[in-house]
Amino acid sequence: MKNEVKEYYNENFIGEWDRLINPYSAIEFKSNMYLIDKYFPKSGKVCDIGAGPGRYSIELLKKGYNVTLFELSDNELRLAEKKIKDLGLKADALICENALNLHLLESESYDAILLMGPMYHLLEVEDRVKVLKEAYRILKKDGVAIIAYINSWGVLKAGVTEFSEEFNDIQHVYNYLGTQSFTPETSFTNLYMSTPPSALEEVKAAGFEVISYAGVEGFLAGIELRINQLAKENKTVYDNFVKVAAETC
């Protein structure tokens, strides 16, 4: 993972903390927490790889898990440390490292893993496979991992209402039907978008058994503008939609 990614998150660490509380991104957060509650063991050691400013780590600590944060951005990790301390919680470890350096962690150390972030900043398939295989290595034999990719099909759907002006060239529409890689010249930083079949293939190739997969915005995907509007107009209806979207993601 190149320095551009670290620099981006070091500059935008406050925005990353705030991101998951806006009405649309809150769906992602609640869906992931639903998956954690459904599939993670009820206790044990968790490694949050790509922990960011600690949103998920904090929720896991509140639930009584022993949590290690593994994060590329030192600014995000410092913010996570402060937020954790302010809540009177304590992480097992806070490690500022590239996800490509998971070899620093011991084999079969964790009951569960969150790998949400690194996979969509690794442009080379060799790097993604390396991270997946290392995540598999540090996971206990009966452990569970939640692994996130950005779905190019979902981005295409969002493009209809959010950035349709970019699709004057029909080839650009076709491009989103496959995997895509972007650099800082064409996106906010190095960015990889996968399709569900491609993501599943990579995960299985690393040794994982896939027990389920999800789209974390569920049936609300691709309509961010309307969701944000609905959250202001009718909070009850918004909350109802978000609850069901999370439970069916």
Protein backbone atom coordinates (compact mmCIF):
# COMPACT_ATOMS: atom_id res chain seq x y z
CA MET A 1 0.00 0.00 0.00
CA LYS A 2 1.67 3.18 -1.16
CA ASN A 3 2.35 6.31 0.89
CA GLU A 4 -0.50 8.12 -0.91
CA VAL A 5 -3.02 6.08 1.07
CA LYS A 6 -1.36 6.85 4.40
CA GLU A 7 -1.10 10.53 3.52
CA TYR A 8 -4.78 10.70 2.59
CA TYR A 9 -5.96 9.19 5.87
CA ASN A 10 -3.51 11.22 7.91
CA GLU A 11 -5.05 14.35 6.38
CA ASN A 12 -8.66 13.17 6.70
CA PHE A 13 -8.64 11.33 10.03
CA ILE A 14 -11.35 13.53 11.57
CA GLY A 15 -13.58 12.98 8.56
CA GLU A 16 -13.14 9.23 8.91
CA TRP A 17 -14.34 9.42 12.52
CA ASP A 18 -17.37 11.47 11.49
CA ARG A 19 -18.16 9.50 8.32
CA LEU A 20 -20.00 6.58 9.90
CA ILE A 21 -22.49 8.79 11.69
CA ASN A 22 -23.93 10.51 8.60
CA PRO A 23 -27.36 9.08 7.67
CA TYR A 24 -26.20 7.04 4.68
CA SER A 25 -22.91 5.69 6.05
CA ALA A 26 -24.68 4.77 9.29
CA ILE A 27 -26.34 1.98 7.29
CA GLU A 28 -22.90 0.51 6.57
CA PHE A 29 -21.97 0.77 10.25
CA LYS A 30 -25.16 -0.85 11.51
CA SER A 31 -25.00 -3.61 8.90
CA ASN A 32 -21.43 -4.45 9.89
CA MET A 33 -22.37 -4.47 13.57
CA TYR A 34 -25.25 -6.81 12.71
CA LEU A 35 -22.78 -9.15 10.97
CA ILE A 36 -20.39 -8.97 13.94
CA ASP A 37 -23.16 -9.83 16.38
CA LYS A 38 -24.38 -12.69 14.17
CA TYR A 39 -21.08 -14.35 13.22
CA PHE A 40 -18.36 -13.43 15.72
CA PRO A 41 -17.80 -15.61 18.79
CA LYS A 42 -19.29 -14.04 21.89
CA SER A 43 -15.85 -13.39 23.40
CA GLY A 44 -12.17 -13.61 22.55
CA LYS A 45 -9.37 -11.77 20.79
CA VAL A 46 -10.11 -9.63 17.72
CA CYS A 47 -7.68 -8.00 15.31
CA ASP A 48 -9.14 -4.94 13.60
CA ILE A 49 -7.00 -4.60 10.46
CA GLY A 50 -7.49 -1.17 8.92
CA ALA A 51 -9.00 0.00 12.20
CA GLY A 52 -9.08 3.66 11.20
CA PRO A 53 -10.04 5.93 14.10
CA GLY A 54 -11.51 2.99 16.00
CA ARG A 55 -15.25 3.06 15.41
CA TYR A 56 -15.59 -0.72 15.30
CA SER A 57 -12.81 -1.38 17.81
CA ILE A 58 -14.62 0.74 20.37
CA GLU A 59 -17.87 -1.18 19.90
CA LEU A 60 -15.99 -4.46 20.23
CA LEU A 61 -14.27 -3.26 23.40
CA LYS A 62 -17.65 -2.27 24.83
CA LYS A 63 -18.82 -5.83 24.17
CA GLY A 64 -15.90 -7.21 26.16
CA TYR A 65 -13.60 -8.40 23.37
CA ASN A 66 -9.82 -8.11 23.61
CA VAL A 67 -8.96 -5.92 20.62
CA THR A 68 -5.78 -5.20 18.69
CA LEU A 69 -5.91 -2.23 16.32
CA PHE A 70 -3.70 -2.53 13.22
CA GLU A 71 -3.78 0.71 11.24
CA LEU A 72 -1.68 2.41 8.55
CA SER A 73 -2.42 6.03 9.54
CA ASP A 74 -0.70 7.25 12.69
CA ASN A 75 -3.14 10.17 12.98
CA GLU A 76 -6.12 7.83 12.88
CA LEU A 77 -4.50 5.50 15.39
CA ARG A 78 -3.77 8.37 17.79
CA LEU A 79 -7.40 9.48 17.52
CA ALA A 80 -8.53 5.91 18.20
CA GLU A 81 -6.28 5.74 21.24
CA LYS A 82 -7.73 8.98 22.60
CA LYS A 83 -11.34 7.94 21.99
CA ILE A 84 -10.72 4.57 23.65
CA LYS A 85 -9.04 6.19 26.66
CA ASP A 86 -11.80 8.81 27.01
CA LEU A 87 -14.34 5.99 27.32
CA GLY A 88 -12.33 4.24 30.01
CA LEU A 89 -11.57 1.32 27.72
CA LYS A 90 -8.25 -0.35 26.93
CA ALA A 91 -7.09 -2.08 23.76
CA ASP A 92 -4.64 -4.99 23.83
CA ALA A 93 -2.40 -3.22 21.32
CA LEU A 94 -2.35 -0.33 18.86
CA ILE A 95 -0.03 -1.12 15.95
CA CYS A 96 0.75 1.50 13.30
CA GLU A 97 1.64 -0.63 10.30
CA ASN A 98 0.81 -1.38 6.69
CA ALA A 99 -1.57 -4.31 6.23
CA LEU A 100 1.13 -5.88 4.04
CA ASN A 101 3.11 -6.38 7.26
CA LEU A 102 0.74 -8.74 9.04
CA HIS A 103 3.69 -11.14 9.29
CA LEU A 104 4.51 -9.20 12.48
CA LEU A 105 1.58 -10.96 14.21
CA GLU A 106 1.69 -14.50 15.56
CA SER A 107 -0.08 -17.38 13.84
CA GLU A 108 -3.50 -18.49 15.14
CA SER A 109 -3.68 -15.58 17.60
CA TYR A 110 -7.19 -14.27 17.02
CA ASP A 111 -10.70 -15.61 17.40
CA ALA A 112 -12.00 -13.04 14.91
CA ILE A 113 -10.70 -10.53 12.40
CA LEU A 114 -12.09 -7.38 10.83
CA LEU A 115 -10.42 -6.64 7.50
CA MET A 116 -12.33 -3.57 6.38
CA GLY A 117 -10.36 -1.02 4.42
CA PRO A 118 -7.09 -2.49 3.17
CA MET A 119 -8.61 -4.62 0.40
CA TYR A 120 -9.87 -1.59 -1.49
CA HIS A 121 -6.59 0.26 -1.41
CA LEU A 122 -4.40 -2.59 -2.70
CA LEU A 123 -4.23 -2.30 -6.47
CA GLU A 124 -2.16 -5.42 -7.17
CA VAL A 125 -3.74 -8.85 -6.87
CA GLU A 126 -0.51 -10.20 -5.36
CA ASP A 127 -0.78 -7.72 -2.49
CA ARG A 128 -4.43 -8.53 -1.84
CA VAL A 129 -3.70 -12.25 -1.82
CA LYS A 130 -0.78 -11.69 0.55
CA VAL A 131 -2.96 -9.81 3.04
CA LEU A 132 -5.71 -12.41 2.83
CA LYS A 133 -3.31 -15.30 3.39
CA GLU A 134 -1.68 -13.54 6.33
CA ALA A 135 -5.11 -12.81 7.83
CA TYR A 136 -5.94 -16.49 7.45
CA ARG A 137 -2.66 -17.42 9.16
CA ILE A 138 -3.21 -15.27 12.25
CA LEU A 139 -6.81 -16.44 12.63
CA LYS A 140 -7.52 -19.45 14.84
CA LYS A 141 -8.72 -22.53 12.99
CA ASP A 142 -12.34 -22.03 14.06
CA GLY A 143 -12.14 -18.23 13.82
CA VAL A 144 -14.26 -15.84 11.77
CA ALA A 145 -13.20 -12.96 9.53
CA ILE A 146 -15.32 -10.18 8.06
CA ILE A 147 -13.63 -8.93 4.89
CA ALA A 148 -14.76 -5.83 2.99
CA TYR A 149 -14.37 -4.85 -0.66
CA ILE A 150 -15.86 -1.93 -2.60
CA ASN A 151 -18.41 -3.34 -5.05
CA SER A 152 -18.06 -1.72 -8.49
CA TRP A 153 -21.64 -2.73 -9.34
CA GLY A 154 -22.88 -0.83 -6.29
CA VAL A 155 -20.83 2.21 -7.29
CA LEU A 156 -22.38 2.05 -10.76
CA LYS A 157 -25.85 2.06 -9.19
CA ALA A 158 -24.93 5.05 -7.02
CA GLY A 159 -23.61 6.83 -10.10
CA VAL A 160 -27.12 7.10 -11.54
CA THR A 161 -28.10 9.69 -8.93
CA GLU A 162 -24.80 10.89 -7.48
CA PHE A 163 -22.34 11.43 -10.36
CA SER A 164 -24.17 10.62 -13.58
CA GLU A 165 -22.26 13.34 -15.46
CA GLU A 166 -19.22 11.03 -15.51
CA PHE A 167 -20.97 8.53 -17.78
CA ASN A 168 -21.20 10.45 -21.05
CA ASP A 169 -18.84 7.84 -22.48
CA ILE A 170 -20.69 4.49 -22.63
CA GLN A 171 -17.41 2.63 -22.18
CA HIS A 172 -17.19 4.14 -18.70
CA VAL A 173 -20.49 2.45 -17.86
CA TYR A 174 -19.19 -0.90 -19.12
CA ASN A 175 -15.99 -0.48 -17.11
CA TYR A 176 -17.93 -0.64 -13.85
CA LEU A 177 -19.19 -4.12 -14.71
CA GLY A 178 -15.67 -5.39 -13.95
CA THR A 179 -12.91 -4.67 -11.47
CA GLN A 180 -11.36 -1.21 -11.52
CA SER A 181 -8.22 0.42 -10.16
CA PHE A 182 -7.70 4.14 -9.62
CA THR A 183 -4.71 6.25 -8.61
CA PRO A 184 -4.69 9.64 -6.84
CA GLU A 185 -4.88 11.27 -10.28
CA THR A 186 -8.30 9.70 -10.92
CA SER A 187 -9.69 9.19 -7.39
CA PHE A 188 -9.20 10.40 -3.81
CA THR A 189 -6.28 7.96 -3.40
CA ASN A 190 -5.26 4.49 -4.61
CA LEU A 191 -8.57 2.67 -4.95
CA TYR A 192 -9.54 -0.83 -6.03
CA MET A 193 -13.13 -1.82 -6.81
CA SER A 194 -14.07 -5.47 -7.15
CA THR A 195 -17.13 -7.37 -8.31
CA PRO A 196 -18.72 -9.88 -5.91
CA PRO A 197 -17.53 -12.92 -7.92
CA SER A 198 -13.96 -11.60 -8.06
CA ALA A 199 -13.89 -10.81 -4.34
CA LEU A 200 -15.26 -14.24 -3.44
CA GLU A 201 -12.65 -15.89 -5.65
CA GLU A 202 -9.80 -14.06 -3.92
CA VAL A 203 -11.10 -14.86 -0.45
CA LYS A 204 -11.56 -18.56 -1.21
CA ALA A 205 -8.13 -18.77 -2.85
CA ALA A 206 -6.55 -17.62 0.43
CA GLY A 207 -8.07 -20.61 2.23
CA PHE A 208 -11.21 -19.11 3.73
CA GLU A 209 -14.54 -20.91 3.72
CA VAL A 210 -17.22 -18.38 2.79
CA ILE A 211 -20.22 -18.82 5.07
CA SER A 212 -22.05 -15.68 3.97
CA TYR A 213 -21.61 -12.43 2.11
CA ALA A 214 -23.41 -9.12 2.28
CA GLY A 215 -23.97 -5.73 0.69
CA VAL A 216 -23.76 -3.44 3.68
CA GLU A 217 -26.24 -0.83 2.44
CA GLY A 218 -28.67 -3.60 1.50
CA PHE A 219 -31.74 -2.46 -0.44
CA LEU A 220 -30.86 1.16 0.38
CA ALA A 221 -27.68 1.07 -1.74
CA GLY A 222 -27.19 3.78 -4.34
CA ILE A 223 -29.80 6.25 -3.08
CA GLU A 224 -27.69 8.32 -0.67
CA LEU A 225 -29.30 11.66 -1.53
CA ARG A 226 -32.79 10.36 -0.80
CA ILE A 227 -31.68 8.63 2.40
CA ASN A 228 -30.10 11.83 3.71
CA GLN A 229 -33.28 13.72 2.86
CA LEU A 230 -35.48 11.10 4.54
CA ALA A 231 -33.41 11.23 7.73
CA LYS A 232 -34.33 14.92 8.02
CA GLU A 233 -37.97 14.61 6.96
CA ASN A 234 -39.10 11.51 8.86
CA LYS A 235 -36.69 9.97 11.36
CA THR A 236 -39.04 7.13 12.24
CA VAL A 237 -39.33 5.94 8.65
CA TYR A 238 -35.57 6.36 8.17
CA ASP A 239 -34.83 4.29 11.30
CA ASN A 240 -37.23 1.58 10.16
CA PHE A 241 -35.61 1.31 6.74
CA VAL A 242 -32.08 1.24 8.22
CA LYS A 243 -32.96 -1.46 10.74
CA VAL A 244 -34.43 -3.75 8.10
CA ALA A 245 -31.63 -3.00 5.62
CA ALA A 246 -29.03 -4.03 8.21
CA GLU A 247 -30.89 -7.19 9.15
CA THR A 248 -31.24 -8.28 5.52
CA CYS A 249 -27.91 -7.06 4.13
